[in-house]
Amino acid sequence: MKILAAVVALLAGDQLPEALADRDGQISGRQEGRRDHLSRPTDLIKRVAPETRRSPSISPPEVLRGLLILMVAALLSFAHPLTASAESTELDSDPFLGRWVRTENRALESDRLERLEHALSGLNWLTRKTAGSVLKRTTTPPDRIVFVRDGAHLKQIVSGRNGETSRVVRLQPATAASSTETSTDATFSWRRVEMKLILDWKRHQANGKNTYHVDPASGILHVTRELQVTAIEGIDPIRFRSQYRRADTAAENEVGESSDTSQD
């Protein structure tokens, strides 16, 4: 019994008195131990409660504020893709978008050479021969024309025997609106007029205009080039045309004639 009383007293956290050896002391020890033992859960709660109260808590207003922030962020994230998707759809439906390959047309090629001779007819023989050789080479229509997406705009890539060039086409929704691009020796200005895409250009030795038009019935891209040589006096304006088909509908080595000779 003394051992049991000692254990109870130790659990209660009390010192063991000398009088615990008698019976009255044993009973007294048991009673004190029982009372102390019953009071321990309260002491434990008191000791633990302060630590629990120090832990962070989230109030209902803070929870509501966080939910509102998440909802607004979600709405904004959905709204932007919708706008970008609308712009992307409009650009993807542009009739010029794609890869175009020149269609060999003997009638159009003969017309180009005849117009060159006529424009140079007012020059003397030596100047006409020299200028004719240069113009015959520089006015040769490119073999390929590509219109691809470049962000919110189109980009034109032209490649042929005279090399490859590329420039951004900043299309505007308003009729006749234009966008100008200036390089070291030239100025380029793009504009839309109805269903035509027009490039106005100016160099230090010449200026001109390229008009692009896709025939909705045949799907053929018609390109009309107009230029005025300013480096030599006496050369008349030159105007000639060429035609292109989409690369997915015509092989690149296709050689043929087209019966379409309509003017743009």
Protein backbone atom coordinates (compact mmCIF):
# COMPACT_ATOMS: atom_id res chain seq x y z
CA MET A 1 0.00 0.00 0.00
CA LYS A 2 2.88 2.32 0.71
CA ILE A 3 4.23 1.72 -2.74
CA LEU A 4 0.83 2.47 -4.31
CA ALA A 5 0.51 5.64 -2.29
CA ALA A 6 4.00 6.69 -3.38
CA VAL A 7 3.13 6.15 -7.04
CA VAL A 8 -0.07 8.20 -6.68
CA ALA A 9 1.82 10.94 -4.94
CA LEU A 10 4.48 11.00 -7.65
CA LEU A 11 1.82 11.23 -10.37
CA ALA A 12 0.27 14.14 -8.52
CA GLY A 13 3.65 15.82 -8.33
CA ASP A 14 3.68 15.98 -4.46
CA GLN A 15 6.48 15.20 -2.06
CA LEU A 16 6.05 12.04 0.02
CA PRO A 17 5.71 13.00 3.78
CA GLU A 18 7.20 10.98 6.61
CA ALA A 19 3.76 10.42 8.16
CA LEU A 20 2.74 8.40 5.10
CA ALA A 21 3.93 5.26 6.94
CA ASP A 22 0.87 5.12 9.22
CA ARG A 23 -2.56 4.10 8.00
CA ASP A 24 -4.07 7.52 8.39
CA GLY A 25 -1.27 8.88 6.33
CA GLN A 26 -1.87 6.20 3.70
CA ILE A 27 -5.56 7.09 3.43
CA SER A 28 -4.75 10.78 3.42
CA GLY A 29 -2.17 10.21 0.70
CA ARG A 30 -4.64 8.27 -1.40
CA GLN A 31 -7.29 10.98 -1.07
CA GLU A 32 -4.85 13.76 -1.92
CA GLY A 33 -3.49 11.75 -4.83
CA ARG A 34 -7.00 11.12 -6.13
CA ARG A 35 -7.91 14.77 -5.92
CA ASP A 36 -4.67 15.80 -7.58
CA HIS A 37 -5.09 13.16 -10.25
CA LEU A 38 -8.61 14.34 -11.06
CA SER A 39 -7.39 17.89 -11.35
CA ARG A 40 -4.56 17.09 -13.80
CA PRO A 41 -6.66 17.26 -17.03
CA THR A 42 -7.61 20.83 -16.15
CA ASP A 43 -4.00 21.71 -15.54
CA LEU A 44 -3.06 20.14 -18.86
CA ILE A 45 -5.73 22.14 -20.67
CA LYS A 46 -4.52 25.33 -19.02
CA ARG A 47 -0.96 24.59 -20.07
CA VAL A 48 -1.88 23.63 -23.66
CA ALA A 49 -4.55 26.27 -24.24
CA PRO A 50 -2.17 29.25 -24.43
CA GLU A 51 -0.12 27.51 -27.15
CA THR A 52 -3.31 26.75 -29.08
CA ARG A 53 -4.48 30.34 -28.87
CA ARG A 54 -1.16 31.52 -30.30
CA SER A 55 -1.69 29.54 -33.54
CA PRO A 56 -2.86 31.70 -36.52
CA SER A 57 -6.55 31.73 -37.29
CA ILE A 58 -8.45 32.81 -40.44
CA SER A 59 -11.50 34.96 -39.92
CA PRO A 60 -14.58 34.63 -42.19
CA PRO A 61 -14.01 38.06 -43.86
CA GLU A 62 -10.51 37.02 -44.86
CA VAL A 63 -11.87 33.80 -46.38
CA LEU A 64 -14.46 35.72 -48.40
CA ARG A 65 -11.84 38.21 -49.58
CA GLY A 66 -9.61 35.39 -50.79
CA LEU A 67 -12.48 33.75 -52.68
CA LEU A 68 -13.35 37.05 -54.40
CA ILE A 69 -9.73 37.53 -55.50
CA LEU A 70 -9.65 34.03 -56.98
CA MET A 71 -12.94 34.62 -58.82
CA VAL A 72 -11.74 37.91 -60.34
CA ALA A 73 -8.44 36.34 -61.42
CA ALA A 74 -10.31 33.48 -63.07
CA LEU A 75 -12.60 35.87 -64.97
CA LEU A 76 -9.65 37.91 -66.23
CA SER A 77 -7.80 34.80 -67.37
CA PHE A 78 -10.84 33.70 -69.37
CA ALA A 79 -11.53 37.12 -70.89
CA HIS A 80 -8.06 37.60 -72.43
CA PRO A 81 -7.95 34.28 -74.33
CA LEU A 82 -11.38 35.05 -75.79
CA THR A 83 -10.17 38.38 -77.18
CA ALA A 84 -6.93 36.85 -78.49
CA SER A 85 -8.92 33.99 -80.00
CA ALA A 86 -11.18 36.42 -81.89
CA GLU A 87 -8.18 38.27 -83.33
CA SER A 88 -6.50 34.98 -84.21
CA THR A 89 -9.61 33.70 -85.99
CA GLU A 90 -9.87 36.89 -88.06
CA LEU A 91 -6.21 36.63 -89.07
CA ASP A 92 -6.46 32.92 -89.89
CA SER A 93 -9.31 33.66 -92.31
CA ASP A 94 -7.29 36.23 -94.27
CA PRO A 95 -7.35 35.18 -97.96
CA PHE A 96 -3.66 36.02 -98.45
CA LEU A 97 -2.46 33.71 -95.69
CA GLY A 98 -0.51 30.76 -97.10
CA ARG A 99 2.27 29.76 -99.46
CA TRP A 100 1.98 30.80 -103.11
CA VAL A 101 3.90 29.47 -106.12
CA ARG A 102 4.15 31.39 -109.39
CA THR A 103 2.29 29.94 -112.35
CA GLU A 104 4.29 30.10 -115.57
CA ASN A 105 2.30 32.09 -118.09
CA ARG A 106 3.84 32.81 -121.48
CA ALA A 107 1.30 35.49 -122.33
CA LEU A 108 2.04 37.46 -119.16
CA GLU A 109 5.80 37.03 -119.62
CA SER A 110 5.65 38.30 -123.20
CA ASP A 111 3.56 41.24 -122.04
CA ARG A 112 6.18 42.15 -119.43
CA LEU A 113 9.02 42.16 -121.96
CA GLU A 114 7.02 44.22 -124.45
CA ARG A 115 6.17 46.81 -121.80
CA LEU A 116 9.86 47.09 -120.87
CA GLU A 117 10.83 47.75 -124.49
CA HIS A 118 8.11 50.34 -124.82
CA ALA A 119 9.16 52.13 -121.61
CA LEU A 120 12.77 52.32 -122.83
CA SER A 121 12.00 53.28 -126.41
CA GLY A 122 12.81 56.95 -125.83
CA LEU A 123 16.42 56.25 -124.79
CA ASN A 124 19.46 56.01 -127.03
CA TRP A 125 20.67 52.58 -128.06
CA LEU A 126 23.46 52.24 -125.47
CA THR A 127 21.36 53.41 -122.53
CA ARG A 128 18.41 51.34 -123.66
CA LYS A 129 20.56 48.20 -123.87
CA THR A 130 22.14 48.76 -120.44
CA ALA A 131 18.91 49.73 -118.64
CA GLY A 132 16.96 47.00 -120.42
CA SER A 133 19.31 44.30 -119.17
CA VAL A 134 19.00 45.51 -115.56
CA LEU A 135 15.22 45.95 -115.66
CA LYS A 136 14.66 42.59 -117.30
CA ARG A 137 16.41 40.96 -114.37
CA THR A 138 14.99 43.07 -111.51
CA THR A 139 11.39 42.96 -112.73
CA THR A 140 11.30 39.16 -112.99
CA PRO A 141 8.41 38.03 -110.76
CA PRO A 142 9.53 36.08 -107.67
CA ASP A 143 8.98 32.33 -107.68
CA ARG A 144 7.32 32.20 -104.25
CA ILE A 145 5.30 34.53 -102.06
CA VAL A 146 4.45 33.51 -98.51
CA PHE A 147 2.12 35.21 -96.06
CA VAL A 148 2.46 33.90 -92.51
CA ARG A 149 1.33 35.02 -89.09
CA ASP A 150 3.70 37.24 -87.14
CA GLY A 151 1.98 37.97 -83.85
CA ALA A 152 -1.05 40.15 -84.53
CA HIS A 153 0.02 40.84 -88.13
CA LEU A 154 0.94 39.10 -91.34
CA LYS A 155 4.48 38.74 -92.59
CA GLN A 156 5.36 38.57 -96.27
CA ILE A 157 8.31 36.49 -97.47
CA VAL A 158 9.29 36.85 -101.13
CA SER A 159 11.90 34.58 -102.69
CA GLY A 160 13.19 34.16 -106.23
CA ARG A 161 16.26 34.53 -108.40
CA ASN A 162 16.84 38.02 -106.99
CA GLY A 163 17.11 36.69 -103.43
CA GLU A 164 14.73 36.60 -100.48
CA THR A 165 13.16 39.49 -98.61
CA SER A 166 10.67 39.64 -95.77
CA ARG A 167 8.62 42.42 -94.20
CA VAL A 168 5.78 42.73 -91.71
CA VAL A 169 2.35 43.56 -93.13
CA ARG A 170 0.52 45.57 -90.50
CA LEU A 171 -3.03 45.16 -91.69
CA GLN A 172 -5.56 47.77 -90.55
CA PRO A 173 -9.33 47.19 -90.35
CA ALA A 174 -10.26 50.57 -91.86
CA THR A 175 -10.30 50.99 -95.64
CA ALA A 176 -7.19 52.68 -97.04
CA ALA A 177 -5.51 52.68 -93.63
CA SER A 178 -1.78 52.21 -93.98
CA SER A 179 1.32 51.28 -92.03
CA THR A 180 4.75 52.58 -93.05
CA GLU A 181 8.07 50.80 -92.64
CA THR A 182 11.34 52.57 -93.41
CA SER A 183 14.66 50.83 -94.03
CA THR A 184 18.08 52.24 -94.89
CA ASP A 185 17.31 52.82 -98.58
CA ALA A 186 13.56 52.30 -98.98
CA THR A 187 10.13 53.09 -97.56
CA PHE A 188 7.26 50.59 -97.57
CA SER A 189 3.62 51.42 -96.87
CA TRP A 190 0.84 48.81 -96.69
CA ARG A 191 -2.86 49.52 -97.13
CA ARG A 192 -6.07 47.67 -97.85
CA VAL A 193 -8.55 48.81 -100.46
CA GLU A 194 -11.62 46.59 -100.59
CA MET A 195 -10.30 43.06 -101.27
CA LYS A 196 -6.86 44.20 -102.41
CA LEU A 197 -3.65 44.49 -100.45
CA ILE A 198 -1.42 47.28 -101.73
CA LEU A 199 2.27 47.88 -101.06
CA ASP A 200 3.56 51.35 -101.91
CA TRP A 201 7.34 51.50 -102.01
CA LYS A 202 9.99 54.08 -102.71
CA ARG A 203 13.73 53.73 -103.30
CA HIS A 204 16.38 56.23 -104.22
CA GLN A 205 16.32 55.11 -107.91
CA ALA A 206 12.69 54.12 -108.37
CA ASN A 207 9.24 54.00 -106.80
CA GLY A 208 6.18 51.94 -107.40
CA LYS A 209 3.22 49.95 -106.19
CA ASN A 210 2.45 46.24 -105.84
CA THR A 211 -1.21 45.21 -105.75
CA TYR A 212 -2.22 41.77 -104.45
CA HIS A 213 -5.66 40.34 -105.05
CA VAL A 214 -7.03 36.82 -104.51
CA ASP A 215 -9.79 35.85 -106.92
CA PRO A 216 -12.45 34.21 -104.72
CA ALA A 217 -13.75 32.10 -107.64
CA SER A 218 -10.48 30.63 -108.92
CA GLY A 219 -8.34 31.04 -105.79
CA ILE A 220 -5.56 32.58 -107.90
CA LEU A 221 -3.39 35.33 -106.44
CA HIS A 222 -3.01 38.16 -108.98
CA VAL A 223 -0.05 40.50 -108.51
CA THR A 224 0.17 43.76 -110.46
CA ARG A 225 3.45 45.65 -110.30
CA GLU A 226 3.85 49.28 -111.29
CA LEU A 227 7.15 51.12 -111.19
CA GLN A 228 8.72 54.35 -112.26
CA VAL A 229 12.49 54.51 -112.70
CA THR A 230 13.82 57.87 -111.47
CA ALA A 231 17.54 57.21 -111.89
CA ILE A 232 17.36 57.77 -115.67
CA GLU A 233 15.22 60.33 -117.38
CA GLY A 234 13.08 59.31 -120.32
CA ILE A 235 11.81 55.95 -118.99
CA ASP A 236 8.03 55.60 -119.08
CA PRO A 237 6.04 53.96 -116.24
CA ILE A 238 6.10 50.16 -116.37
CA ARG A 239 3.15 47.95 -115.45
CA PHE A 240 3.02 44.16 -115.64
CA ARG A 241 1.25 41.24 -113.96
CA SER A 242 1.89 37.74 -112.64
CA GLN A 243 -0.20 34.93 -111.14
CA TYR A 244 0.26 32.51 -108.23
CA ARG A 245 -1.46 29.38 -106.98
CA ARG A 246 -1.42 27.96 -103.49
CA ALA A 247 1.39 25.48 -102.93
CA ASP A 248 -1.05 22.83 -101.68
CA THR A 249 -2.96 22.92 -105.00
CA ALA A 250 -0.08 23.24 -107.46
CA ALA A 251 3.33 21.55 -107.59
CA GLU A 252 6.33 23.84 -107.50
CA ASN A 253 7.64 22.51 -110.79
CA GLU A 254 4.31 22.97 -112.52
CA VAL A 255 4.64 24.55 -115.96
CA GLY A 256 1.49 25.61 -117.71
CA GLU A 257 -0.51 28.39 -119.17
CA SER A 258 -3.50 30.15 -117.70
CA SER A 259 -6.35 31.43 -119.83
CA ASP A 260 -7.18 34.15 -117.27
CA THR A 261 -5.94 37.50 -118.57
CA SER A 262 -8.36 39.72 -116.66
CA GLN A 263 -7.09 43.05 -115.34
CA ASP A 264 -6.91 43.73 -111.59
